[in-house]
Amino acid sequence: MRLDKIYTRGGDSGQTSLGDGKRVPKYDLRVHAVGGLDEANAALGVALLHVEDAEVRGVLSGAQNELFDVGGDLCLPEHEYKKAPLRITAGQVARLEQQIDHFNDALNPLTNFVLPGGSPASAHLHLARAILRRAERDIAELAAHEPINAEALKYVNRLSDLLFVLARYVNARGTADVLWQPGLSR
């Protein structure tokens, strides 16, 4: 892939191209879903500025790359292609589950809901998680109207779970979590 020119003027009329070349409005459900992934990826980039743990940084960097893969998957509608398109696989989802279990094993069990905060890294991971949850809702809405690769939706769901666990992990293995105190201000 080579981008020689950043602007094309192709979107000036409020339309954009999907991966198969089809022109659609910029508010199309598929474009909206991919845009949410882009926003979540940007939030992950900010979170990475605050994460010092090398293992966590590696996981997050891999997730950033794979969010582009999810976007690539979703920008190509489900139909026959001469060459097999990039699709998220069950193996990628399973790897996220392994990562969730690995990092969660180092944490004490939750006794209450966790509020975003504690450390800058944790707060930014919670923000990325919340943005990713919104993207997940957009993908689910797309899936209700058009066929998509089901593994893409599963991947985003698991990644948001992983971001929650990592937000706790970078909060001194959960000991610096900020816990919700129901009715505190009553």
C-alpha atoms as a PDB file:
ATOM      1  CA  MET A   1       0.000   0.000   0.000  1.00  0.00           C
ATOM      2  CA  ARG A   2       1.322   3.406  -0.933  1.00  0.00           C
ATOM      3  CA  LEU A   3      -0.319   6.751  -0.294  1.00  0.00           C
ATOM      4  CA  ASP A   4       1.312   9.442  -2.399  1.00  0.00           C
ATOM      5  CA  LYS A   5      -1.448  11.968  -1.992  1.00  0.00           C
ATOM      6  CA  ILE A   6      -3.381  12.419   1.236  1.00  0.00           C
ATOM      7  CA  TYR A   7      -6.307  14.375  -0.136  1.00  0.00           C
ATOM      8  CA  THR A   8      -8.312  13.096  -3.099  1.00  0.00           C
ATOM      9  CA  ARG A   9     -11.368  15.369  -2.971  1.00  0.00           C
ATOM     10  CA  GLY A  10     -13.418  12.173  -3.360  1.00  0.00           C
ATOM     11  CA  GLY A  11     -15.179  12.767  -0.050  1.00  0.00           C
ATOM     12  CA  ASP A  12     -16.057  16.393  -0.637  1.00  0.00           C
ATOM     13  CA  SER A  13     -19.628  15.473  -1.571  1.00  0.00           C
ATOM     14  CA  GLY A  14     -20.187  13.501   1.637  1.00  0.00           C
ATOM     15  CA  GLN A  15     -19.414  10.103   0.191  1.00  0.00           C
ATOM     16  CA  THR A  16     -16.518   7.696   0.661  1.00  0.00           C
ATOM     17  CA  SER A  17     -15.400   4.376  -0.761  1.00  0.00           C
ATOM     18  CA  LEU A  18     -15.573   1.002   0.925  1.00  0.00           C
ATOM     19  CA  GLY A  19     -12.749  -1.472   0.486  1.00  0.00           C
ATOM     20  CA  ASP A  20     -14.424  -2.939  -2.580  1.00  0.00           C
ATOM     21  CA  GLY A  21     -14.677   0.487  -4.237  1.00  0.00           C
ATOM     22  CA  LYS A  22     -18.413   0.947  -3.676  1.00  0.00           C
ATOM     23  CA  ARG A  23     -19.310   4.584  -2.915  1.00  0.00           C
ATOM     24  CA  VAL A  24     -21.493   5.129   0.144  1.00  0.00           C
ATOM     25  CA  PRO A  25     -22.513   8.124   2.278  1.00  0.00           C
ATOM     26  CA  LYS A  26     -20.084   8.959   5.073  1.00  0.00           C
ATOM     27  CA  TYR A  27     -22.906   8.282   7.543  1.00  0.00           C
ATOM     28  CA  ASP A  28     -23.326   4.707   6.259  1.00  0.00           C
ATOM     29  CA  LEU A  29     -23.465   2.166   9.113  1.00  0.00           C
ATOM     30  CA  ARG A  30     -20.324   0.427   7.850  1.00  0.00           C
ATOM     31  CA  VAL A  31     -18.371   3.694   7.681  1.00  0.00           C
ATOM     32  CA  HIS A  32     -19.672   4.669  11.114  1.00  0.00           C
ATOM     33  CA  ALA A  33     -18.482   1.350  12.586  1.00  0.00           C
ATOM     34  CA  VAL A  34     -15.016   1.676  11.060  1.00  0.00           C
ATOM     35  CA  GLY A  35     -14.801   5.286  12.274  1.00  0.00           C
ATOM     36  CA  GLY A  36     -15.482   4.136  15.836  1.00  0.00           C
ATOM     37  CA  LEU A  37     -12.588   1.706  15.581  1.00  0.00           C
ATOM     38  CA  ASP A  38     -10.346   4.531  14.404  1.00  0.00           C
ATOM     39  CA  GLU A  39     -11.359   6.651  17.387  1.00  0.00           C
ATOM     40  CA  ALA A  40     -10.691   3.756  19.795  1.00  0.00           C
ATOM     41  CA  ASN A  41      -7.307   3.179  18.175  1.00  0.00           C
ATOM     42  CA  ALA A  42      -6.374   6.831  18.666  1.00  0.00           C
ATOM     43  CA  ALA A  43      -7.359   6.571  22.339  1.00  0.00           C
ATOM     44  CA  LEU A  44      -5.140   3.493  22.646  1.00  0.00           C
ATOM     45  CA  GLY A  45      -2.279   5.522  21.210  1.00  0.00           C
ATOM     46  CA  VAL A  46      -2.753   8.112  23.953  1.00  0.00           C
ATOM     47  CA  ALA A  47      -2.964   5.373  26.601  1.00  0.00           C
ATOM     48  CA  LEU A  48       0.323   3.935  25.353  1.00  0.00           C
ATOM     49  CA  LEU A  49       2.020   7.244  26.160  1.00  0.00           C
ATOM     50  CA  HIS A  50       1.323   6.520  29.830  1.00  0.00           C
ATOM     51  CA  VAL A  51       1.982   2.766  30.027  1.00  0.00           C
ATOM     52  CA  GLU A  52       5.439   1.777  31.230  1.00  0.00           C
ATOM     53  CA  ASP A  53       5.067  -2.014  31.556  1.00  0.00           C
ATOM     54  CA  ALA A  54       6.770  -3.581  28.508  1.00  0.00           C
ATOM     55  CA  GLU A  55       4.456  -6.592  28.348  1.00  0.00           C
ATOM     56  CA  VAL A  56       1.341  -4.399  28.459  1.00  0.00           C
ATOM     57  CA  ARG A  57       2.848  -2.070  25.849  1.00  0.00           C
ATOM     58  CA  GLY A  58       3.413  -5.051  23.552  1.00  0.00           C
ATOM     59  CA  VAL A  59      -0.168  -6.235  23.962  1.00  0.00           C
ATOM     60  CA  LEU A  60      -1.557  -2.758  23.295  1.00  0.00           C
ATOM     61  CA  SER A  61       0.664  -2.213  20.250  1.00  0.00           C
ATOM     62  CA  GLY A  62      -0.545  -5.526  18.837  1.00  0.00           C
ATOM     63  CA  ALA A  63      -4.138  -4.546  19.549  1.00  0.00           C
ATOM     64  CA  GLN A  64      -3.677  -1.249  17.715  1.00  0.00           C
ATOM     65  CA  ASN A  65      -2.488  -3.099  14.629  1.00  0.00           C
ATOM     66  CA  GLU A  66      -5.331  -5.603  14.858  1.00  0.00           C
ATOM     67  CA  LEU A  67      -7.916  -2.816  15.183  1.00  0.00           C
ATOM     68  CA  PHE A  68      -6.796  -1.791  11.695  1.00  0.00           C
ATOM     69  CA  ASP A  69      -7.364  -5.423  10.664  1.00  0.00           C
ATOM     70  CA  VAL A  70     -10.912  -5.249  12.102  1.00  0.00           C
ATOM     71  CA  GLY A  71     -11.486  -2.054  10.131  1.00  0.00           C
ATOM     72  CA  GLY A  72     -10.149  -3.759   7.007  1.00  0.00           C
ATOM     73  CA  ASP A  73     -12.499  -6.670   7.629  1.00  0.00           C
ATOM     74  CA  LEU A  74     -15.536  -4.420   8.084  1.00  0.00           C
ATOM     75  CA  CYS A  75     -14.812  -2.144   5.121  1.00  0.00           C
ATOM     76  CA  LEU A  76     -15.241  -5.134   2.776  1.00  0.00           C
ATOM     77  CA  PRO A  77     -18.873  -6.262   2.657  1.00  0.00           C
ATOM     78  CA  GLU A  78     -19.460  -9.998   2.817  1.00  0.00           C
ATOM     79  CA  HIS A  79     -19.515 -11.441  -0.705  1.00  0.00           C
ATOM     80  CA  GLU A  80     -17.292 -13.402  -3.051  1.00  0.00           C
ATOM     81  CA  TYR A  81     -13.859 -11.992  -3.841  1.00  0.00           C
ATOM     82  CA  LYS A  82     -11.243 -13.310  -6.253  1.00  0.00           C
ATOM     83  CA  LYS A  83      -8.633 -13.053  -3.510  1.00  0.00           C
ATOM     84  CA  ALA A  84      -9.525 -13.952   0.091  1.00  0.00           C
ATOM     85  CA  PRO A  85     -10.014 -10.689   2.019  1.00  0.00           C
ATOM     86  CA  LEU A  86      -8.472  -9.913   5.385  1.00  0.00           C
ATOM     87  CA  ARG A  87     -10.842 -11.301   8.019  1.00  0.00           C
ATOM     88  CA  ILE A  88     -10.555 -11.531  11.799  1.00  0.00           C
ATOM     89  CA  THR A  89     -10.230 -15.160  12.911  1.00  0.00           C
ATOM     90  CA  ALA A  90     -11.397 -17.216  15.875  1.00  0.00           C
ATOM     91  CA  GLY A  91      -7.712 -17.672  16.752  1.00  0.00           C
ATOM     92  CA  GLN A  92      -7.319 -13.929  17.267  1.00  0.00           C
ATOM     93  CA  VAL A  93     -10.323 -13.906  19.590  1.00  0.00           C
ATOM     94  CA  ALA A  94      -8.931 -16.902  21.513  1.00  0.00           C
ATOM     95  CA  ARG A  95      -5.573 -15.122  21.929  1.00  0.00           C
ATOM     96  CA  LEU A  96      -7.353 -12.143  23.490  1.00  0.00           C
ATOM     97  CA  GLU A  97      -9.081 -14.507  25.906  1.00  0.00           C
ATOM     98  CA  GLN A  98      -5.691 -15.965  26.876  1.00  0.00           C
ATOM     99  CA  GLN A  99      -4.330 -12.469  27.456  1.00  0.00           C
ATOM    100  CA  ILE A 100      -7.358 -11.556  29.584  1.00  0.00           C
ATOM    101  CA  ASP A 101      -6.836 -14.664  31.722  1.00  0.00           C
ATOM    102  CA  HIS A 102      -3.077 -14.050  32.003  1.00  0.00           C
ATOM    103  CA  PHE A 103      -3.377 -10.476  33.271  1.00  0.00           C
ATOM    104  CA  ASN A 104      -6.515 -11.132  35.329  1.00  0.00           C
ATOM    105  CA  ASP A 105      -4.712 -13.934  37.234  1.00  0.00           C
ATOM    106  CA  ALA A 106      -2.425 -11.266  38.746  1.00  0.00           C
ATOM    107  CA  LEU A 107      -5.393  -9.282  40.120  1.00  0.00           C
ATOM    108  CA  ASN A 108      -7.445  -9.705  43.256  1.00  0.00           C
ATOM    109  CA  PRO A 109     -11.082 -10.522  42.509  1.00  0.00           C
ATOM    110  CA  LEU A 110     -13.370  -7.533  42.156  1.00  0.00           C
ATOM    111  CA  THR A 111     -15.533  -6.710  45.155  1.00  0.00           C
ATOM    112  CA  ASN A 112     -17.181  -3.663  43.601  1.00  0.00           C
ATOM    113  CA  PHE A 113     -17.407  -1.720  40.364  1.00  0.00           C
ATOM    114  CA  VAL A 114     -14.273   0.154  39.335  1.00  0.00           C
ATOM    115  CA  LEU A 115     -14.354   3.835  38.442  1.00  0.00           C
ATOM    116  CA  PRO A 116     -12.020   5.060  35.696  1.00  0.00           C
ATOM    117  CA  GLY A 117      -8.899   6.505  37.284  1.00  0.00           C
ATOM    118  CA  GLY A 118      -6.184   5.694  39.737  1.00  0.00           C
ATOM    119  CA  SER A 119      -3.310   6.378  37.379  1.00  0.00           C
ATOM    120  CA  PRO A 120      -3.052   8.223  34.052  1.00  0.00           C
ATOM    121  CA  ALA A 121      -2.406   4.917  32.240  1.00  0.00           C
ATOM    122  CA  SER A 122      -5.458   3.298  33.785  1.00  0.00           C
ATOM    123  CA  ALA A 123      -7.700   6.297  33.125  1.00  0.00           C
ATOM    124  CA  HIS A 124      -6.675   6.386  29.467  1.00  0.00           C
ATOM    125  CA  LEU A 125      -7.208   2.631  29.096  1.00  0.00           C
ATOM    126  CA  HIS A 126     -10.703   3.016  30.565  1.00  0.00           C
ATOM    127  CA  LEU A 127     -11.404   5.819  28.082  1.00  0.00           C
ATOM    128  CA  ALA A 128     -10.183   3.646  25.191  1.00  0.00           C
ATOM    129  CA  ARG A 129     -12.385   0.818  26.510  1.00  0.00           C
ATOM    130  CA  ALA A 130     -15.461   3.063  26.641  1.00  0.00           C
ATOM    131  CA  ILE A 131     -14.828   4.290  23.081  1.00  0.00           C
ATOM    132  CA  LEU A 132     -14.349   0.701  21.929  1.00  0.00           C
ATOM    133  CA  ARG A 133     -17.657  -0.274  23.567  1.00  0.00           C
ATOM    134  CA  ARG A 134     -19.380   2.423  21.513  1.00  0.00           C
ATOM    135  CA  ALA A 135     -17.675   1.080  18.378  1.00  0.00           C
ATOM    136  CA  GLU A 136     -18.891  -2.378  19.374  1.00  0.00           C
ATOM    137  CA  ARG A 137     -22.470  -1.097  19.534  1.00  0.00           C
ATOM    138  CA  ASP A 138     -22.038   0.414  16.062  1.00  0.00           C
ATOM    139  CA  ILE A 139     -20.723  -2.908  14.727  1.00  0.00           C
ATOM    140  CA  ALA A 140     -23.649  -4.749  16.325  1.00  0.00           C
ATOM    141  CA  GLU A 141     -26.044  -2.322  14.637  1.00  0.00           C
ATOM    142  CA  LEU A 142     -24.296  -2.920  11.306  1.00  0.00           C
ATOM    143  CA  ALA A 143     -24.586  -6.687  11.855  1.00  0.00           C
ATOM    144  CA  ALA A 144     -28.345  -6.277  12.403  1.00  0.00           C
ATOM    145  CA  HIS A 145     -28.653  -4.756   8.910  1.00  0.00           C
ATOM    146  CA  GLU A 146     -25.919  -6.453   6.856  1.00  0.00           C
ATOM    147  CA  PRO A 147     -23.910  -9.649   7.084  1.00  0.00           C
ATOM    148  CA  ILE A 148     -20.493  -9.221   8.707  1.00  0.00           C
ATOM    149  CA  ASN A 149     -17.756 -11.540   9.873  1.00  0.00           C
ATOM    150  CA  ALA A 150     -19.009 -12.547  13.344  1.00  0.00           C
ATOM    151  CA  GLU A 151     -15.416 -12.880  14.582  1.00  0.00           C
ATOM    152  CA  ALA A 152     -14.907  -9.123  14.100  1.00  0.00           C
ATOM    153  CA  LEU A 153     -17.662  -8.342  16.604  1.00  0.00           C
ATOM    154  CA  LYS A 154     -16.341 -10.978  19.020  1.00  0.00           C
ATOM    155  CA  TYR A 155     -12.837  -9.526  18.710  1.00  0.00           C
ATOM    156  CA  VAL A 156     -13.978  -6.017  19.647  1.00  0.00           C
ATOM    157  CA  ASN A 157     -15.997  -7.391  22.564  1.00  0.00           C
ATOM    158  CA  ARG A 158     -12.979  -9.310  23.926  1.00  0.00           C
ATOM    159  CA  LEU A 159     -10.607  -6.414  23.353  1.00  0.00           C
ATOM    160  CA  SER A 160     -12.779  -4.128  25.455  1.00  0.00           C
ATOM    161  CA  ASP A 161     -12.703  -6.777  28.208  1.00  0.00           C
ATOM    162  CA  LEU A 162      -8.916  -6.926  27.900  1.00  0.00           C
ATOM    163  CA  LEU A 163      -8.659  -3.147  28.192  1.00  0.00           C
ATOM    164  CA  PHE A 164     -10.665  -3.293  31.433  1.00  0.00           C
ATOM    165  CA  VAL A 165      -8.328  -5.922  32.869  1.00  0.00           C
ATOM    166  CA  LEU A 166      -5.245  -4.004  31.704  1.00  0.00           C
ATOM    167  CA  ALA A 167      -6.583  -0.783  33.238  1.00  0.00           C
ATOM    168  CA  ARG A 168      -6.712  -2.610  36.567  1.00  0.00           C
ATOM    169  CA  TYR A 169      -3.336  -4.274  35.978  1.00  0.00           C
ATOM    170  CA  VAL A 170      -1.516  -0.964  35.395  1.00  0.00           C
ATOM    171  CA  ASN A 171      -3.193   0.373  38.557  1.00  0.00           C
ATOM    172  CA  ALA A 172      -0.618  -1.428  40.715  1.00  0.00           C
ATOM    173  CA  ARG A 173      -2.190  -4.797  39.892  1.00  0.00           C
ATOM    174  CA  GLY A 174      -5.591  -3.470  40.947  1.00  0.00           C
ATOM    175  CA  THR A 175      -4.534  -2.216  44.381  1.00  0.00           C
ATOM    176  CA  ALA A 176      -4.829   1.406  43.206  1.00  0.00           C
ATOM    177  CA  ASP A 177      -8.267   0.923  41.633  1.00  0.00           C
ATOM    178  CA  VAL A 178     -10.845   3.562  42.440  1.00  0.00           C
ATOM    179  CA  LEU A 179     -13.927   1.704  43.649  1.00  0.00           C
ATOM    180  CA  TRP A 180     -17.489   2.882  43.290  1.00  0.00           C
ATOM    181  CA  GLN A 181     -19.091   3.734  46.614  1.00  0.00           C
ATOM    182  CA  PRO A 182     -22.843   3.454  46.098  1.00  0.00           C
ATOM    183  CA  GLY A 183     -24.783   6.374  47.562  1.00  0.00           C
ATOM    184  CA  LEU A 184     -21.624   8.149  48.726  1.00  0.00           C
ATOM    185  CA  SER A 185     -23.077  11.653  48.330  1.00  0.00           C
ATOM    186  CA  ARG A 186     -26.528  10.999  49.793  1.00  0.00           C
END
